[in-house]
């Protein structure tokens, strides 16, 4: 019985931490905040659109440097670019495939041209909230840098 307690005390923190880890053993707490959003109907010169209503937690991130793990979603010209979409889900399950909502992706403007990869990566940049321009994504990251591969 004593051996079992010692084993539980040793393994419990490792198992619990591993379930939360994303990149280099640290949890990403940003995506869940971005998911917590509602929409209201709004109109502009182009017609009706769903306007995002950001929570106070998300508003507090506006203009801040954040780090997100996720997957690149290339545009049509594909392989390289400084402007791309970034999803919390793999390409086959992302917003553009009809699975997630617009809160599961961010529009990225990177400092340098990057090469598309299917592997999960981590990016860092300034988060901007977009509630007015329906032609852009609701979340935009400016000045982004690729930090490396993310280990989900």
C-alpha atoms as a PDB file:
ATOM      1  CA  UNK A   1       0.000   0.000   0.000  1.00  0.00           C
ATOM      2  CA  UNK A   2       2.836   2.369   0.825  1.00  0.00           C
ATOM      3  CA  UNK A   3       4.414   1.645  -2.572  1.00  0.00           C
ATOM      4  CA  UNK A   4       1.135   2.416  -4.307  1.00  0.00           C
ATOM      5  CA  UNK A   5       0.878   5.814  -2.546  1.00  0.00           C
ATOM      6  CA  UNK A   6       4.431   6.702  -3.540  1.00  0.00           C
ATOM      7  CA  UNK A   7       3.748   5.654  -7.124  1.00  0.00           C
ATOM      8  CA  UNK A   8       0.570   7.773  -7.224  1.00  0.00           C
ATOM      9  CA  UNK A   9       2.387  10.781  -5.755  1.00  0.00           C
ATOM     10  CA  UNK A  10       5.116  10.461  -8.364  1.00  0.00           C
ATOM     11  CA  UNK A  11       2.906   9.808 -11.409  1.00  0.00           C
ATOM     12  CA  UNK A  12      -0.097  12.034 -10.661  1.00  0.00           C
ATOM     13  CA  UNK A  13       1.656  15.363 -11.332  1.00  0.00           C
ATOM     14  CA  UNK A  14       3.241  14.002 -14.503  1.00  0.00           C
ATOM     15  CA  UNK A  15      -0.032  12.644 -15.921  1.00  0.00           C
ATOM     16  CA  UNK A  16      -2.026  15.731 -14.939  1.00  0.00           C
ATOM     17  CA  UNK A  17       0.539  18.077 -16.449  1.00  0.00           C
ATOM     18  CA  UNK A  18       0.879  16.064 -19.648  1.00  0.00           C
ATOM     19  CA  UNK A  19      -2.841  16.353 -20.354  1.00  0.00           C
ATOM     20  CA  UNK A  20      -2.676  20.151 -20.273  1.00  0.00           C
ATOM     21  CA  UNK A  21       0.592  20.648 -22.090  1.00  0.00           C
ATOM     22  CA  UNK A  22       0.845  22.082 -25.564  1.00  0.00           C
ATOM     23  CA  UNK A  23       4.209  23.634 -26.299  1.00  0.00           C
ATOM     24  CA  UNK A  24       7.334  22.749 -24.375  1.00  0.00           C
ATOM     25  CA  UNK A  25       5.230  21.554 -21.448  1.00  0.00           C
ATOM     26  CA  UNK A  26       3.290  24.779 -20.919  1.00  0.00           C
ATOM     27  CA  UNK A  27      -0.480  25.011 -21.328  1.00  0.00           C
ATOM     28  CA  UNK A  28      -2.067  27.408 -23.796  1.00  0.00           C
ATOM     29  CA  UNK A  29      -4.682  29.380 -21.958  1.00  0.00           C
ATOM     30  CA  UNK A  30      -5.419  31.766 -24.815  1.00  0.00           C
ATOM     31  CA  UNK A  31      -7.520  29.614 -27.178  1.00  0.00           C
ATOM     32  CA  UNK A  32     -10.210  28.862 -24.543  1.00  0.00           C
ATOM     33  CA  UNK A  33     -10.597  32.609 -23.935  1.00  0.00           C
ATOM     34  CA  UNK A  34     -10.937  33.244 -27.679  1.00  0.00           C
ATOM     35  CA  UNK A  35     -13.624  30.536 -27.952  1.00  0.00           C
ATOM     36  CA  UNK A  36     -15.824  32.332 -25.404  1.00  0.00           C
ATOM     37  CA  UNK A  37     -17.619  34.708 -27.773  1.00  0.00           C
ATOM     38  CA  UNK A  38     -21.117  35.558 -28.933  1.00  0.00           C
ATOM     39  CA  UNK A  39     -22.445  37.240 -32.051  1.00  0.00           C
ATOM     40  CA  UNK A  40     -25.200  39.751 -32.790  1.00  0.00           C
ATOM     41  CA  UNK A  41     -26.690  40.685 -36.163  1.00  0.00           C
ATOM     42  CA  UNK A  42     -25.357  43.960 -37.542  1.00  0.00           C
ATOM     43  CA  UNK A  43     -25.508  45.790 -40.867  1.00  0.00           C
ATOM     44  CA  UNK A  44     -23.159  47.995 -42.812  1.00  0.00           C
ATOM     45  CA  UNK A  45     -22.953  49.334 -46.373  1.00  0.00           C
ATOM     46  CA  UNK A  46     -22.443  45.796 -47.701  1.00  0.00           C
ATOM     47  CA  UNK A  47     -25.362  44.215 -45.840  1.00  0.00           C
ATOM     48  CA  UNK A  48     -25.972  42.117 -42.763  1.00  0.00           C
ATOM     49  CA  UNK A  49     -23.210  40.285 -40.886  1.00  0.00           C
ATOM     50  CA  UNK A  50     -22.566  38.583 -37.554  1.00  0.00           C
ATOM     51  CA  UNK A  51     -20.777  41.073 -35.316  1.00  0.00           C
ATOM     52  CA  UNK A  52     -18.634  39.532 -32.566  1.00  0.00           C
ATOM     53  CA  UNK A  53     -19.234  40.471 -28.945  1.00  0.00           C
ATOM     54  CA  UNK A  54     -15.976  40.002 -27.057  1.00  0.00           C
ATOM     55  CA  UNK A  55     -15.818  39.056 -23.381  1.00  0.00           C
ATOM     56  CA  UNK A  56     -13.847  41.188 -20.935  1.00  0.00           C
ATOM     57  CA  UNK A  57     -11.156  38.470 -20.830  1.00  0.00           C
ATOM     58  CA  UNK A  58     -10.683  38.742 -24.589  1.00  0.00           C
ATOM     59  CA  UNK A  59     -10.802  42.549 -24.559  1.00  0.00           C
ATOM     60  CA  UNK A  60      -7.979  42.468 -22.009  1.00  0.00           C
ATOM     61  CA  UNK A  61      -5.813  40.650 -24.605  1.00  0.00           C
ATOM     62  CA  UNK A  62      -6.353  43.265 -27.331  1.00  0.00           C
ATOM     63  CA  UNK A  63      -3.031  44.853 -28.288  1.00  0.00           C
ATOM     64  CA  UNK A  64      -1.071  42.381 -26.140  1.00  0.00           C
ATOM     65  CA  UNK A  65       1.704  40.035 -27.157  1.00  0.00           C
ATOM     66  CA  UNK A  66       0.296  36.495 -27.104  1.00  0.00           C
ATOM     67  CA  UNK A  67       1.516  33.021 -27.975  1.00  0.00           C
ATOM     68  CA  UNK A  68      -0.712  30.428 -29.654  1.00  0.00           C
ATOM     69  CA  UNK A  69      -0.159  26.807 -30.653  1.00  0.00           C
ATOM     70  CA  UNK A  70      -1.961  25.660 -33.770  1.00  0.00           C
ATOM     71  CA  UNK A  71      -1.887  24.869 -37.457  1.00  0.00           C
ATOM     72  CA  UNK A  72      -1.185  26.985 -40.523  1.00  0.00           C
ATOM     73  CA  UNK A  73      -3.952  27.354 -43.099  1.00  0.00           C
ATOM     74  CA  UNK A  74      -2.393  28.583 -46.341  1.00  0.00           C
ATOM     75  CA  UNK A  75      -4.103  30.813 -48.889  1.00  0.00           C
ATOM     76  CA  UNK A  76      -4.516  29.757 -52.519  1.00  0.00           C
ATOM     77  CA  UNK A  77      -0.929  30.520 -53.535  1.00  0.00           C
ATOM     78  CA  UNK A  78       0.021  28.307 -50.665  1.00  0.00           C
ATOM     79  CA  UNK A  79       3.563  27.303 -49.892  1.00  0.00           C
ATOM     80  CA  UNK A  80       5.129  30.577 -48.687  1.00  0.00           C
ATOM     81  CA  UNK A  81       3.780  33.847 -47.415  1.00  0.00           C
ATOM     82  CA  UNK A  82       3.700  36.469 -44.699  1.00  0.00           C
ATOM     83  CA  UNK A  83      -0.114  36.439 -44.521  1.00  0.00           C
ATOM     84  CA  UNK A  84      -1.965  33.247 -43.606  1.00  0.00           C
ATOM     85  CA  UNK A  85      -4.673  31.808 -41.400  1.00  0.00           C
ATOM     86  CA  UNK A  86      -3.880  29.965 -38.196  1.00  0.00           C
ATOM     87  CA  UNK A  87      -6.232  27.435 -36.639  1.00  0.00           C
ATOM     88  CA  UNK A  88      -6.502  25.795 -33.252  1.00  0.00           C
ATOM     89  CA  UNK A  89      -7.469  22.624 -35.138  1.00  0.00           C
ATOM     90  CA  UNK A  90      -5.761  20.654 -37.920  1.00  0.00           C
ATOM     91  CA  UNK A  91      -6.612  21.683 -41.480  1.00  0.00           C
ATOM     92  CA  UNK A  92      -9.090  18.837 -42.007  1.00  0.00           C
ATOM     93  CA  UNK A  93     -11.132  19.995 -38.974  1.00  0.00           C
ATOM     94  CA  UNK A  94     -10.758  23.774 -39.096  1.00  0.00           C
ATOM     95  CA  UNK A  95     -13.281  26.578 -39.579  1.00  0.00           C
ATOM     96  CA  UNK A  96     -12.870  26.550 -43.362  1.00  0.00           C
ATOM     97  CA  UNK A  97     -13.896  22.876 -43.497  1.00  0.00           C
ATOM     98  CA  UNK A  98     -17.093  23.604 -41.589  1.00  0.00           C
ATOM     99  CA  UNK A  99     -16.195  22.140 -38.192  1.00  0.00           C
ATOM    100  CA  UNK A 100     -15.146  25.074 -35.990  1.00  0.00           C
ATOM    101  CA  UNK A 101     -16.451  28.603 -35.811  1.00  0.00           C
ATOM    102  CA  UNK A 102     -14.661  31.858 -36.661  1.00  0.00           C
ATOM    103  CA  UNK A 103     -13.371  31.984 -33.072  1.00  0.00           C
ATOM    104  CA  UNK A 104     -11.103  28.989 -33.801  1.00  0.00           C
ATOM    105  CA  UNK A 105      -8.915  30.833 -36.326  1.00  0.00           C
ATOM    106  CA  UNK A 106      -6.786  33.953 -36.425  1.00  0.00           C
ATOM    107  CA  UNK A 107      -5.566  35.932 -39.419  1.00  0.00           C
ATOM    108  CA  UNK A 108      -1.789  36.252 -39.234  1.00  0.00           C
ATOM    109  CA  UNK A 109       0.550  38.889 -40.604  1.00  0.00           C
ATOM    110  CA  UNK A 110       4.090  37.685 -39.949  1.00  0.00           C
ATOM    111  CA  UNK A 111       7.311  39.674 -39.827  1.00  0.00           C
ATOM    112  CA  UNK A 112       8.911  37.391 -42.416  1.00  0.00           C
ATOM    113  CA  UNK A 113       7.809  35.108 -45.207  1.00  0.00           C
ATOM    114  CA  UNK A 114       7.206  31.639 -43.788  1.00  0.00           C
ATOM    115  CA  UNK A 115       6.938  28.245 -45.430  1.00  0.00           C
ATOM    116  CA  UNK A 116       3.725  26.308 -44.908  1.00  0.00           C
ATOM    117  CA  UNK A 117       3.901  23.233 -42.694  1.00  0.00           C
ATOM    118  CA  UNK A 118       1.279  20.659 -41.738  1.00  0.00           C
ATOM    119  CA  UNK A 119       2.939  20.192 -38.350  1.00  0.00           C
ATOM    120  CA  UNK A 120       1.579  22.024 -35.309  1.00  0.00           C
ATOM    121  CA  UNK A 121       3.577  25.164 -34.576  1.00  0.00           C
ATOM    122  CA  UNK A 122       3.521  28.001 -32.107  1.00  0.00           C
ATOM    123  CA  UNK A 123       3.298  31.655 -33.099  1.00  0.00           C
ATOM    124  CA  UNK A 124       3.812  34.837 -31.126  1.00  0.00           C
ATOM    125  CA  UNK A 125       2.483  38.275 -32.029  1.00  0.00           C
ATOM    126  CA  UNK A 126       0.197  41.169 -31.146  1.00  0.00           C
ATOM    127  CA  UNK A 127      -3.503  40.272 -30.962  1.00  0.00           C
ATOM    128  CA  UNK A 128      -5.990  42.705 -32.503  1.00  0.00           C
ATOM    129  CA  UNK A 129      -9.742  42.284 -32.144  1.00  0.00           C
ATOM    130  CA  UNK A 130     -11.860  42.987 -35.216  1.00  0.00           C
ATOM    131  CA  UNK A 131     -15.519  43.713 -34.642  1.00  0.00           C
ATOM    132  CA  UNK A 132     -16.079  46.139 -37.519  1.00  0.00           C
ATOM    133  CA  UNK A 133     -14.645  44.719 -40.751  1.00  0.00           C
ATOM    134  CA  UNK A 134     -16.555  41.601 -41.886  1.00  0.00           C
ATOM    135  CA  UNK A 135     -13.983  41.096 -44.657  1.00  0.00           C
ATOM    136  CA  UNK A 136     -11.339  40.149 -42.073  1.00  0.00           C
ATOM    137  CA  UNK A 137     -11.250  37.501 -39.390  1.00  0.00           C
ATOM    138  CA  UNK A 138     -12.427  38.488 -35.909  1.00  0.00           C
ATOM    139  CA  UNK A 139      -8.946  37.838 -34.484  1.00  0.00           C
ATOM    140  CA  UNK A 140      -5.812  39.188 -36.170  1.00  0.00           C
ATOM    141  CA  UNK A 141      -2.203  38.683 -35.096  1.00  0.00           C
ATOM    142  CA  UNK A 142       0.280  41.290 -36.288  1.00  0.00           C
ATOM    143  CA  UNK A 143       4.073  41.124 -36.291  1.00  0.00           C
ATOM    144  CA  UNK A 144       3.940  37.364 -35.829  1.00  0.00           C
ATOM    145  CA  UNK A 145       6.964  35.160 -35.375  1.00  0.00           C
ATOM    146  CA  UNK A 146       7.110  31.385 -35.670  1.00  0.00           C
ATOM    147  CA  UNK A 147       8.410  30.083 -32.329  1.00  0.00           C
ATOM    148  CA  UNK A 148       8.838  26.455 -33.350  1.00  0.00           C
ATOM    149  CA  UNK A 149       6.930  23.216 -33.374  1.00  0.00           C
ATOM    150  CA  UNK A 150       4.155  22.771 -30.849  1.00  0.00           C
ATOM    151  CA  UNK A 151       3.817  19.441 -29.104  1.00  0.00           C
ATOM    152  CA  UNK A 152       0.119  18.794 -28.615  1.00  0.00           C
END
